[in-house]
């Protein structure tokens, strides 16, 4: 009498993996000319968050990394899609890579999402300028954006702005920021968020101190559809002004095409924002979680 052994499959888990090599990539095959190479050595690490279910986006962003030389440094983080809300999964994914960077003692860790697009005008001189800008940051910096959507900003040097920003497709973290991510899981009571932005992680980023950005930015987003948002409002729900973007099929197109213009408009208005900050008019915008309440 034969018996059958039922095989049990291990549940899928999030994984880390290196960027797939490309034999035609000059960075991978070592043929890149030294004076043309984009030097990312001022970073201790680089991460890219890409869902396991979105292999198409992982493949496309890998091509981008080969183009700009990040293929030799980036580590992919491949989580499963969150069963309830994409923004919860996104928050916890950014937290996971922040915790990994913190555990490994990285001082400067670049975190990217798989829709990141780097400027076609990125050159070795620009890379040296980014390093110099980072070296001049104050000791208490938390985030240094390479790409973002500024909500307010003012210059602190010719290529660095102090900012309150949304979007989290390309930012460099300090150990202080990595610790913040460790200490702030989704739904933690008292986490300050800018409700104008929403409830995703970048709504909390917009309220953090010590946030700076490269000016002008070198990273925008592609128009690939996001997995984090429901583009159809719930039946019977009241449509708010911000839903014209967050619940729009054209959300990614608007973000991708208007990010750079928004940057120059906001920076052009810097005296107003600077004065407002000094007067305290930009404070208290975050909606603090009420005692006993929790995001779900």
Foldseek 3Di string as FASTA:
>chain_A
DDDDDDDDDDDDFKDKAAQDDDCPQCLRVVNDDPQWAADPPLWPAEEEEDEPVPVVLSVVLSVQCSVRVCSVGYMYIYGHQDPPFNLQVVLVSVLVVLLVCLVVVTFKYKYAYSFKHFAPPDGNVVSVVVSVVVVPADPPAFKEFLFFAFPAWEDPDDFKIFTQTADRGIIIGGSVNSVVSNVDRAWDAFQWFQPLVPRHPSRSSSPDPRYMYTPPHGMFGHLPDDPRAALDDDPPDDDDPSNCQRNHNCNSVCRRPCRRVSVVVNHVVRVVRVVCVVVVVPPPNTDGGDPPDTDD
